Amino acid sequence: MRGAAARTDVVVIGAGHNGLAMSHELARRGVDHVVLERGEVAHAWRTERWDSMRLLTPNWMCRLPGRAYAGDDPDGFMRAGEVADFVCDYARELSAPVLTHTPVTRVFADDRGYRVRTPRGDWRCRAVVLASGAFNLPTLPRIAQAVPPGVAQWQANDYRHPQQLQAGGVLVVGASATGVQLAQEIRRSGRPVTLAVGEHVRLPRTYRGRDIQWWMLASGLLDQRIEEVDDPARARRVPSPQLAGTPERATLDLNALRAEGVELVGRLAGIRDGLAQFSGSLRNVCTLADLKMNRLLDAIDAWIEQHEVAGGIGGAERFAPTDVGTAPRLKLKLGEEVRTIVWATGFRPDHSWLDTPVFDRKGALRHDRGIVDAPGLYVLGLPFLRRRKSSFMHGAEDDVREIGTHLAAHLEATALALN
């Protein structure tokens, strides 16, 4: 039999960087709250990343409310374990009210707000912040069900290093940040690698002597608000850019992979009778990605000229078009040419424990810039939540400040109603 539920004003679900940033904001406002974490602080960074993974953003961009990177390698890229340490140090500095190993099993409305159920007892509160992340569950296409039994399948959150994979050819499906990095690492282990390429975002690691993220931040692109774009739904679906964080700050694009022996094919369109079938649109998809990259570089050049940026920057440059070869293959025999498939097809949030009618017909959370379609319910960390930078660590500060203002007004209104 359950005992009486504990009470607080706000329950924050998730003790990653977004949940802790919200804790900082709530503490600043004097709001009583608790942060519930399914494992340890920064759990996903320690348990759900491949061994060699590094951030896509340079260290100088790693900041949270009240804390900035203070190490001796600002232009480097943290490994996953270093990110976890950074977040854990932040939690200690805040003395954040985190309860670890407290997974949430159900959230539902009651007469005073919400009830949050955990194996360690229930919490009653007037507001809930969903800060459990946008990358909880891998998005596995239905086509995976047609893979022959003899072909091993790995999802990106289970993959750790190439030695896990059996000998033989590997098909990596998905050519965004994760896919291109895994394709390169697996190829360097000596295995034949084929990369199935769909829509993607091509970017150079550095441009005119500075990291591409420096230009995107300085020019205001990362601060672009969701209400300023023509198609918000599409903007939120844009895949992560083909970037890698390496000490060499090398550009990792399809040309670089081809030079290392990775074979490029089109989007995986079907599997029939043991044959993987690929779309014939590879050349067009790559041409579009090249075009969009060059438009971005044009915009950066125009911003540089307009603002008369100096300081040792290089001249304008353009990069070779993506070379897909003369005739990309349209079929591949699974079980012979390919012994393993690695699915790098993206992730989605897990809100399966949220027992409130706030999902659309596709199962996506209905929200307006993080304000969920239910009084007192909020979400953080989703792509382009309020700004283009919302899914980056440094994007949390502005989002929690604005959402915190709305949340505080909700608490004030409900306090009056309950008295």
Foldseek 3Di string as FASTA:
>chain_A
DADDAAEFAEEEEAQELLSLLLLVVCVVVVGTYAYEAQADRLVLLVQQAAAAAWDLDFQQLFAGVPGHDDDDGRRATDRSVVSSVVSVVSCVVVVHRYDHNWDWQAWDADPQDIWTDTPVHIYDHNFYEYEHAFFDFFDDDPQVVVADPQAAEAERRRHHALVVDDAAEEEEAEQAQSRLVVQVRNVVVVYAYEYAYDAAAEEQQDFQHGGPVVLCVVLCQQFAWLVPDPDSVVQLVHGHHNGGGDPVSGGGDLVVSVVSRYAYFYHQDHADPQKTFHDPCVVVSQVVNLVVRVVVLVSSVVSCVVVVDDDNGHDGDHDDRRDNDDGRDGIDGEPHNHRYYYYPPGGGDDPVNYPDPQADPVRHGDDQLQHGPDQNYGYAQRQSSTGNCRVPSSNSNVSSNVVVVVNVVSSVVSVVVVD
